[in-house]
Every structure is written in C-alpha cells, then in structure tokens.
Amino acid sequence: MYIPLLESSMSIPGYRPSDTAEFALEFGGARAAVVASDVPDEFGVDDSVRWSPADAHEHALSEPVDLVGLDGLAGVSAMRIEVGYDPTGLPPGASPTDVAIAAKTDAGWETLDSTVDLTETTVTAVLNERPPGATVVAVYDGGEH
C-alpha cells in the first residue's frame, strides 16, 4: 500500500481511507479513488481532450472526462469513479435511476455497473480493476446496467 496523495473523502467499500488515493476534477464534477500497489504521479482526472460532448455516448448526461495515467497503475485492488450528471438531459419519462458510467473502448462505449445518488446527482462505479477505457461519461442507459 502507499500513502494517499490527497485526503480521501470518497471511500471505497472494504478499504480504509488511508489506503485510498483520490483525485478530483474541480470543474467537471468527476472524481476517482484508487487502491493500488503503484500509482503514477500523472494519475488523475482531467477534461477530455479526445472527446467533446457531441462525440460522446449518444445519451451523455455529462461532459466526458479522462482518467489520466491508467496505464501506469499496477496492482489495482479497487477503483471508484464518480461523475456528476445533469438530470435535465434524461429523455421524457426516463427513470433517474437508469444512469450509469460508460467508458470508451476500442469497440465503442461500455456501460459499467453503477449506482446513482439522486440527491447529489452523481453516478458511481466501483471496480476491482482498471476501467476498460480512459474516457468516461455519465449516460442514460435505459435500465440496462
């Protein structure tokens, strides 16, 4: 384990906050926390330079963000990704619980198992490995996650 780079306020179930490094994108409402044996200095969350909202998932409810430095992560035990979303972007009649995080892969957008916080208008995915892609976005997935 390692010393966290920031004081963690975003816990990962089953892990002590002292074992968690957290990174936040101040203007995008996105945060990532990781427990890993090696976290590179460049790891963090940043505005996506590769994808604009128009290029993002067809049901995007947030700006796409990049998880920077994923390739340098080693020994990932857990990762938590949280993205704020705009509920006004939901289609008429859509359930607000049908929001998920999608990661951009070579094959397209892969929806991750996610949990919605209706009060905070955030969606969270907790993984036991690196996500399948470095660019993530909150999406309406029609209840398919």
N, C-alpha and C. Protein backbone atom coordinates (compact mmCIF):
# COMPACT_ATOMS: atom_id res chain seq x y z
N MET A 1 0.84 -1.18 0.00
CA MET A 1 0.00 0.00 0.00
C MET A 1 0.89 1.25 0.00
N TYR A 2 0.31 2.39 -0.19
CA TYR A 2 1.05 3.63 -0.32
C TYR A 2 0.35 4.72 0.46
N ILE A 3 1.02 5.83 0.60
CA ILE A 3 0.44 6.99 1.28
C ILE A 3 -0.45 7.73 0.30
N PRO A 4 -1.68 8.10 0.68
CA PRO A 4 -2.57 8.78 -0.27
C PRO A 4 -2.03 10.14 -0.67
N LEU A 5 -2.31 10.52 -1.90
CA LEU A 5 -1.87 11.83 -2.39
C LEU A 5 -2.77 12.95 -1.90
N LEU A 6 -4.02 12.64 -1.65
CA LEU A 6 -4.97 13.63 -1.13
C LEU A 6 -5.75 12.98 0.00
N GLU A 7 -6.22 13.75 0.93
CA GLU A 7 -7.10 13.22 1.97
C GLU A 7 -8.38 12.73 1.30
N SER A 8 -8.74 11.50 1.54
CA SER A 8 -9.87 10.91 0.83
C SER A 8 -11.19 11.21 1.52
N SER A 9 -12.14 11.68 0.73
CA SER A 9 -13.50 11.85 1.23
C SER A 9 -14.44 10.93 0.45
N MET A 10 -13.91 10.20 -0.49
CA MET A 10 -14.68 9.30 -1.32
C MET A 10 -14.23 7.88 -1.02
N SER A 11 -14.89 7.23 -0.10
CA SER A 11 -14.45 5.92 0.33
C SER A 11 -14.74 4.85 -0.71
N ILE A 12 -13.97 3.77 -0.65
CA ILE A 12 -14.20 2.58 -1.44
C ILE A 12 -14.57 1.50 -0.44
N PRO A 13 -15.74 0.89 -0.58
CA PRO A 13 -16.17 -0.13 0.40
C PRO A 13 -15.11 -1.20 0.61
N GLY A 14 -14.82 -1.49 1.86
CA GLY A 14 -13.86 -2.52 2.21
C GLY A 14 -12.43 -2.04 2.35
N TYR A 15 -12.17 -0.74 2.12
CA TYR A 15 -10.82 -0.21 2.20
C TYR A 15 -10.78 0.98 3.14
N ARG A 16 -9.68 1.09 3.89
CA ARG A 16 -9.50 2.22 4.79
C ARG A 16 -9.19 3.48 3.98
N PRO A 17 -9.70 4.62 4.41
CA PRO A 17 -9.38 5.87 3.70
C PRO A 17 -7.87 6.11 3.59
N SER A 18 -7.10 5.64 4.55
CA SER A 18 -5.65 5.85 4.50
C SER A 18 -5.00 5.04 3.38
N ASP A 19 -5.71 4.05 2.83
CA ASP A 19 -5.18 3.24 1.73
C ASP A 19 -5.67 3.72 0.37
N THR A 20 -6.38 4.84 0.34
CA THR A 20 -7.02 5.30 -0.88
C THR A 20 -6.43 6.63 -1.33
N ALA A 21 -6.07 6.69 -2.62
CA ALA A 21 -5.64 7.96 -3.22
C ALA A 21 -6.83 8.48 -4.01
N GLU A 22 -7.17 9.75 -3.84
CA GLU A 22 -8.33 10.33 -4.51
C GLU A 22 -7.88 11.49 -5.39
N PHE A 23 -8.52 11.61 -6.54
CA PHE A 23 -8.22 12.68 -7.48
C PHE A 23 -9.53 13.26 -7.96
N ALA A 24 -9.62 14.56 -8.07
CA ALA A 24 -10.88 15.20 -8.45
C ALA A 24 -10.64 16.20 -9.57
N LEU A 25 -11.64 16.33 -10.43
CA LEU A 25 -11.65 17.37 -11.44
C LEU A 25 -12.58 18.45 -10.93
N GLU A 26 -12.01 19.59 -10.56
CA GLU A 26 -12.79 20.62 -9.90
C GLU A 26 -13.97 21.13 -10.72
N PHE A 27 -13.79 21.32 -12.01
CA PHE A 27 -14.83 21.94 -12.82
C PHE A 27 -15.75 20.94 -13.49
N GLY A 28 -15.41 19.66 -13.46
CA GLY A 28 -16.21 18.67 -14.16
C GLY A 28 -17.06 17.81 -13.26
N GLY A 29 -16.93 17.92 -11.96
CA GLY A 29 -17.71 17.11 -11.06
C GLY A 29 -17.35 15.64 -11.11
N ALA A 30 -16.16 15.31 -11.57
CA ALA A 30 -15.72 13.92 -11.64
C ALA A 30 -14.63 13.66 -10.61
N ARG A 31 -14.68 12.46 -10.03
CA ARG A 31 -13.65 12.08 -9.05
C ARG A 31 -13.30 10.62 -9.25
N ALA A 32 -12.07 10.28 -8.91
CA ALA A 32 -11.64 8.89 -8.95
C ALA A 32 -10.84 8.63 -7.69
N ALA A 33 -11.04 7.45 -7.12
CA ALA A 33 -10.26 6.99 -5.98
C ALA A 33 -9.73 5.61 -6.34
N VAL A 34 -8.52 5.31 -5.92
CA VAL A 34 -7.91 4.04 -6.29
C VAL A 34 -7.12 3.47 -5.12
N VAL A 35 -7.14 2.15 -5.01
CA VAL A 35 -6.25 1.42 -4.12
C VAL A 35 -5.42 0.54 -5.03
N ALA A 36 -4.11 0.78 -5.07
CA ALA A 36 -3.22 0.05 -5.97
C ALA A 36 -1.83 -0.01 -5.36
N SER A 37 -1.03 -0.97 -5.83
CA SER A 37 0.33 -1.07 -5.31
C SER A 37 1.23 0.01 -5.88
N ASP A 38 0.89 0.54 -7.08
CA ASP A 38 1.70 1.59 -7.68
C ASP A 38 0.78 2.57 -8.42
N VAL A 39 0.81 3.83 -8.00
CA VAL A 39 0.03 4.88 -8.64
C VAL A 39 1.01 5.90 -9.21
N PRO A 40 1.03 6.07 -10.54
CA PRO A 40 1.98 7.02 -11.13
C PRO A 40 1.64 8.46 -10.76
N ASP A 41 2.65 9.31 -10.77
CA ASP A 41 2.46 10.72 -10.43
C ASP A 41 1.44 11.40 -11.35
N GLU A 42 1.38 10.97 -12.61
CA GLU A 42 0.47 11.62 -13.56
C GLU A 42 -0.97 11.13 -13.46
N PHE A 43 -1.26 10.15 -12.60
CA PHE A 43 -2.64 9.66 -12.48
C PHE A 43 -3.55 10.78 -11.97
N GLY A 44 -4.74 10.86 -12.55
CA GLY A 44 -5.70 11.86 -12.12
C GLY A 44 -6.91 11.89 -13.04
N VAL A 45 -7.74 12.91 -12.88
CA VAL A 45 -8.94 13.12 -13.67
C VAL A 45 -8.81 14.48 -14.35
N ASP A 46 -9.13 14.53 -15.65
CA ASP A 46 -8.98 15.78 -16.38
C ASP A 46 -10.07 15.88 -17.45
N ASP A 47 -10.31 17.10 -17.94
CA ASP A 47 -11.22 17.29 -19.07
C ASP A 47 -10.74 16.44 -20.23
N SER A 48 -11.66 15.82 -20.94
CA SER A 48 -11.27 15.00 -22.08
C SER A 48 -10.82 15.89 -23.23
N VAL A 49 -9.64 15.61 -23.74
CA VAL A 49 -9.14 16.33 -24.90
C VAL A 49 -9.44 15.55 -26.18
N ARG A 50 -9.87 14.29 -26.04
CA ARG A 50 -10.15 13.46 -27.20
C ARG A 50 -11.61 13.47 -27.60
N TRP A 51 -12.51 13.73 -26.66
CA TRP A 51 -13.94 13.60 -26.93
C TRP A 51 -14.68 14.85 -26.47
N SER A 52 -15.45 15.41 -27.35
CA SER A 52 -16.33 16.52 -26.97
C SER A 52 -17.68 15.91 -26.62
N PRO A 53 -18.55 16.66 -25.99
CA PRO A 53 -19.89 16.12 -25.69
C PRO A 53 -20.60 15.61 -26.96
N ALA A 54 -20.37 16.25 -28.09
CA ALA A 54 -21.00 15.80 -29.33
C ALA A 54 -20.46 14.44 -29.78
N ASP A 55 -19.21 14.13 -29.43
CA ASP A 55 -18.60 12.86 -29.81
C ASP A 55 -18.87 11.76 -28.79
N ALA A 56 -19.39 12.14 -27.65
CA ALA A 56 -19.57 11.19 -26.56
C ALA A 56 -20.74 10.26 -26.83
N HIS A 57 -20.99 9.41 -25.91
CA HIS A 57 -22.10 8.46 -25.96
C HIS A 57 -23.38 9.20 -26.33
N GLU A 58 -24.23 8.60 -27.16
CA GLU A 58 -25.43 9.28 -27.66
C GLU A 58 -26.37 9.74 -26.56
N HIS A 59 -26.31 9.13 -25.38
CA HIS A 59 -27.18 9.52 -24.28
C HIS A 59 -26.37 10.15 -23.13
N ALA A 60 -25.35 10.92 -23.47
CA ALA A 60 -24.47 11.53 -22.47
C ALA A 60 -25.23 12.54 -21.62
N LEU A 61 -24.98 12.47 -20.31
CA LEU A 61 -25.59 13.40 -19.35
C LEU A 61 -24.53 14.24 -18.65
N SER A 62 -23.27 14.10 -19.08
CA SER A 62 -22.17 14.87 -18.50
C SER A 62 -21.13 15.12 -19.58
N GLU A 63 -20.18 15.98 -19.26
CA GLU A 63 -19.03 16.17 -20.13
C GLU A 63 -18.15 14.94 -19.99
N PRO A 64 -17.55 14.45 -21.08
CA PRO A 64 -16.62 13.33 -20.94
C PRO A 64 -15.35 13.79 -20.21
N VAL A 65 -14.80 12.91 -19.38
CA VAL A 65 -13.56 13.19 -18.67
C VAL A 65 -12.59 12.05 -18.90
N ASP A 66 -11.31 12.36 -18.81
CA ASP A 66 -10.27 11.36 -18.98
C ASP A 66 -9.67 10.98 -17.63
N LEU A 67 -9.46 9.69 -17.46
CA LEU A 67 -8.70 9.17 -16.33
C LEU A 67 -7.27 9.07 -16.84
N VAL A 68 -6.43 9.98 -16.38
CA VAL A 68 -5.06 10.12 -16.88
C VAL A 68 -4.14 9.17 -16.13
N GLY A 69 -3.21 8.54 -16.83
CA GLY A 69 -2.20 7.70 -16.21
C GLY A 69 -2.66 6.29 -15.87
N LEU A 70 -3.75 5.83 -16.48
CA LEU A 70 -4.24 4.47 -16.19
C LEU A 70 -3.21 3.40 -16.51
N ASP A 71 -2.47 3.59 -17.59
CA ASP A 71 -1.50 2.57 -18.00
C ASP A 71 -0.43 2.34 -16.94
N GLY A 72 -0.13 3.36 -16.14
CA GLY A 72 0.90 3.22 -15.13
C GLY A 72 0.43 2.62 -13.82
N LEU A 73 -0.89 2.46 -13.67
CA LEU A 73 -1.41 1.84 -12.44
C LEU A 73 -1.02 0.37 -12.41
N ALA A 74 -0.55 -0.09 -11.25
CA ALA A 74 -0.20 -1.51 -11.10
C ALA A 74 -0.84 -2.03 -9.82
N GLY A 75 -1.25 -3.26 -9.85
CA GLY A 75 -1.80 -3.90 -8.66
C GLY A 75 -3.07 -3.24 -8.16
N VAL A 76 -3.99 -2.92 -9.08
CA VAL A 76 -5.24 -2.27 -8.69
C VAL A 76 -6.09 -3.26 -7.90
N SER A 77 -6.42 -2.89 -6.68
CA SER A 77 -7.33 -3.68 -5.85
C SER A 77 -8.76 -3.18 -5.99
N ALA A 78 -8.90 -1.86 -6.09
CA ALA A 78 -10.22 -1.26 -6.21
C ALA A 78 -10.09 0.13 -6.83
N MET A 79 -11.11 0.49 -7.60
CA MET A 79 -11.17 1.84 -8.15
C MET A 79 -12.62 2.28 -8.11
N ARG A 80 -12.81 3.52 -7.69
CA ARG A 80 -14.15 4.11 -7.65
C ARG A 80 -14.14 5.34 -8.54
N ILE A 81 -15.09 5.40 -9.46
CA ILE A 81 -15.22 6.54 -10.38
C ILE A 81 -16.58 7.16 -10.13
N GLU A 82 -16.59 8.46 -9.90
CA GLU A 82 -17.84 9.19 -9.66
C GLU A 82 -17.93 10.35 -10.63
N VAL A 83 -19.09 10.49 -11.27
CA VAL A 83 -19.30 11.56 -12.24
C VAL A 83 -20.62 12.26 -11.92
N GLY A 84 -20.59 13.58 -11.86
CA GLY A 84 -21.82 14.35 -11.72
C GLY A 84 -22.54 14.39 -13.06
N TYR A 85 -23.87 14.40 -13.03
CA TYR A 85 -24.63 14.40 -14.27
C TYR A 85 -25.76 15.41 -14.19
N ASP A 86 -26.30 15.75 -15.36
CA ASP A 86 -27.40 16.71 -15.47
C ASP A 86 -28.70 15.94 -15.70
N PRO A 87 -29.56 15.85 -14.69
CA PRO A 87 -30.80 15.07 -14.86
C PRO A 87 -31.77 15.68 -15.87
N THR A 88 -31.59 16.95 -16.22
CA THR A 88 -32.49 17.55 -17.22
C THR A 88 -32.24 16.96 -18.61
N GLY A 89 -31.13 16.25 -18.79
CA GLY A 89 -30.82 15.63 -20.07
C GLY A 89 -31.48 14.27 -20.26
N LEU A 90 -32.18 13.78 -19.23
CA LEU A 90 -32.87 12.50 -19.35
C LEU A 90 -34.03 12.60 -20.34
N PRO A 91 -34.26 11.56 -21.13
CA PRO A 91 -35.41 11.59 -22.04
C PRO A 91 -36.72 11.66 -21.26
N PRO A 92 -37.78 12.20 -21.84
CA PRO A 92 -39.08 12.26 -21.15
C PRO A 92 -39.51 10.86 -20.70
N GLY A 93 -39.95 10.76 -19.45
CA GLY A 93 -40.42 9.50 -18.90
C GLY A 93 -39.33 8.57 -18.43
N ALA A 94 -38.07 8.95 -18.58
CA ALA A 94 -36.95 8.09 -18.18
C ALA A 94 -36.82 8.07 -16.66
N SER A 95 -36.43 6.94 -16.14
CA SER A 95 -36.19 6.83 -14.70
C SER A 95 -34.82 7.42 -14.38
N PRO A 96 -34.73 8.28 -13.37
CA PRO A 96 -33.43 8.84 -13.00
C PRO A 96 -32.48 7.80 -12.41
N THR A 97 -32.98 6.62 -12.10
CA THR A 97 -32.08 5.57 -11.61
C THR A 97 -31.42 4.81 -12.75
N ASP A 98 -31.80 5.10 -13.99
CA ASP A 98 -31.21 4.43 -15.15
C ASP A 98 -30.04 5.22 -15.73
N VAL A 99 -29.19 5.72 -14.84
CA VAL A 99 -27.99 6.44 -15.24
C VAL A 99 -26.81 5.57 -14.87
N ALA A 100 -25.80 5.55 -15.72
CA ALA A 100 -24.61 4.74 -15.48
C ALA A 100 -23.39 5.47 -15.99
N ILE A 101 -22.23 4.96 -15.66
CA ILE A 101 -20.98 5.46 -16.22
C ILE A 101 -20.64 4.57 -17.41
N ALA A 102 -20.26 5.20 -18.51
CA ALA A 102 -19.81 4.47 -19.69
C ALA A 102 -18.35 4.83 -19.94
N ALA A 103 -17.55 3.83 -20.31
CA ALA A 103 -16.15 4.03 -20.63
C ALA A 103 -15.93 3.78 -22.12
N LYS A 104 -15.13 4.62 -22.75
CA LYS A 104 -14.85 4.49 -24.18
C LYS A 104 -13.80 3.40 -24.38
N THR A 105 -14.16 2.40 -25.20
CA THR A 105 -13.23 1.33 -25.55
C THR A 105 -13.00 1.36 -27.05
N ASP A 106 -12.13 0.50 -27.55
CA ASP A 106 -11.90 0.43 -28.99
C ASP A 106 -13.16 0.00 -29.74
N ALA A 107 -14.04 -0.74 -29.06
CA ALA A 107 -15.26 -1.24 -29.70
C ALA A 107 -16.46 -0.30 -29.53
N GLY A 108 -16.31 0.78 -28.79
CA GLY A 108 -17.42 1.70 -28.53
C GLY A 108 -17.49 2.05 -27.06
N TRP A 109 -18.68 2.36 -26.58
CA TRP A 109 -18.88 2.73 -25.18
C TRP A 109 -19.37 1.51 -24.40
N GLU A 110 -18.68 1.20 -23.30
CA GLU A 110 -19.07 0.09 -22.43
C GLU A 110 -19.64 0.64 -21.14
N THR A 111 -20.89 0.27 -20.84
CA THR A 111 -21.54 0.74 -19.62
C THR A 111 -21.05 -0.09 -18.44
N LEU A 112 -20.70 0.59 -17.35
CA LEU A 112 -20.21 -0.07 -16.14
C LEU A 112 -21.35 -0.21 -15.13
N ASP A 113 -21.30 -1.26 -14.30
CA ASP A 113 -22.26 -1.38 -13.21
C ASP A 113 -22.12 -0.14 -12.34
N SER A 114 -23.21 0.55 -12.12
CA SER A 114 -23.15 1.86 -11.46
C SER A 114 -24.29 2.02 -10.47
N THR A 115 -24.08 2.96 -9.55
CA THR A 115 -25.07 3.32 -8.54
C THR A 115 -25.33 4.82 -8.66
N VAL A 116 -26.60 5.21 -8.59
CA VAL A 116 -26.99 6.60 -8.74
C VAL A 116 -27.32 7.20 -7.37
N ASP A 117 -26.83 8.40 -7.12
CA ASP A 117 -27.20 9.17 -5.94
C ASP A 117 -28.10 10.30 -6.45
N LEU A 118 -29.40 10.15 -6.25
CA LEU A 118 -30.36 11.12 -6.78
C LEU A 118 -30.24 12.49 -6.11
N THR A 119 -29.87 12.51 -4.85
CA THR A 119 -29.74 13.77 -4.12
C THR A 119 -28.56 14.59 -4.62
N GLU A 120 -27.42 13.92 -4.82
CA GLU A 120 -26.21 14.61 -5.26
C GLU A 120 -26.09 14.68 -6.78
N THR A 121 -26.99 14.02 -7.50
CA THR A 121 -26.96 13.86 -8.95
C THR A 121 -25.56 13.42 -9.43
N THR A 122 -25.13 12.31 -8.84
CA THR A 122 -23.88 11.68 -9.23
C THR A 122 -24.15 10.21 -9.53
N VAL A 123 -23.28 9.63 -10.31
CA VAL A 123 -23.32 8.21 -10.60
C VAL A 123 -21.93 7.66 -10.31
N THR A 124 -21.88 6.46 -9.70
CA THR A 124 -20.63 5.89 -9.24
C THR A 124 -20.48 4.46 -9.71
N ALA A 125 -19.28 4.11 -10.15
CA ALA A 125 -18.93 2.74 -10.48
C ALA A 125 -17.76 2.34 -9.59
N VAL A 126 -17.84 1.15 -8.97
CA VAL A 126 -16.74 0.61 -8.17
C VAL A 126 -16.25 -0.64 -8.88
N LEU A 127 -14.96 -0.65 -9.20
CA LEU A 127 -14.35 -1.73 -9.96
C LEU A 127 -13.24 -2.40 -9.15
N ASN A 128 -12.92 -3.63 -9.50
CA ASN A 128 -11.79 -4.32 -8.88
C ASN A 128 -10.59 -4.37 -9.81
N GLU A 129 -10.63 -3.52 -10.83
CA GLU A 129 -9.55 -3.43 -11.80
C GLU A 129 -9.65 -2.08 -12.50
N ARG A 130 -8.70 -1.84 -13.39
CA ARG A 130 -8.79 -0.61 -14.18
C ARG A 130 -10.04 -0.65 -15.05
N PRO A 131 -10.64 0.50 -15.35
CA PRO A 131 -11.80 0.50 -16.24
C PRO A 131 -11.37 0.10 -17.66
N PRO A 132 -12.32 -0.31 -18.50
CA PRO A 132 -11.98 -0.76 -19.85
C PRO A 132 -11.54 0.36 -20.79
N GLY A 133 -11.68 1.60 -20.37
CA GLY A 133 -11.27 2.74 -21.18
C GLY A 133 -10.93 3.92 -20.30
N ALA A 134 -10.16 4.86 -20.85
CA ALA A 134 -9.70 6.00 -20.07
C ALA A 134 -10.66 7.18 -20.08
N THR A 135 -11.59 7.22 -21.04
CA THR A 135 -12.55 8.31 -21.11
C THR A 135 -13.88 7.80 -20.58
N VAL A 136 -14.47 8.54 -19.64
CA VAL A 136 -15.74 8.14 -19.05
C VAL A 136 -16.74 9.28 -19.12
N VAL A 137 -18.03 8.91 -19.09
CA VAL A 137 -19.11 9.89 -19.17
C VAL A 137 -20.32 9.29 -18.47
N ALA A 138 -21.15 10.13 -17.88
CA ALA A 138 -22.42 9.67 -17.32
C ALA A 138 -23.43 9.57 -18.46
N VAL A 139 -24.18 8.47 -18.50
CA VAL A 139 -25.12 8.24 -19.60
C VAL A 139 -26.45 7.73 -19.08
N TYR A 140 -27.49 7.96 -19.88
CA TYR A 140 -28.77 7.29 -19.66
C TYR A 140 -28.67 5.99 -20.45
N ASP A 141 -28.88 4.87 -19.76
CA ASP A 141 -28.72 3.59 -20.46
C ASP A 141 -30.02 2.80 -20.54
N GLY A 142 -31.13 3.41 -20.23
CA GLY A 142 -32.42 2.74 -20.38
C GLY A 142 -32.63 1.57 -19.46
N GLY A 143 -31.93 1.54 -18.31
CA GLY A 143 -32.11 0.48 -17.34
C GLY A 143 -31.35 -0.78 -17.68
N GLU A 144 -30.34 -0.70 -18.55
CA GLU A 144 -29.61 -1.88 -18.98
C GLU A 144 -28.36 -2.15 -18.18
N HIS A 145 -28.01 -1.32 -17.18
CA HIS A 145 -26.79 -1.59 -16.41
C HIS A 145 -27.04 -2.52 -15.25
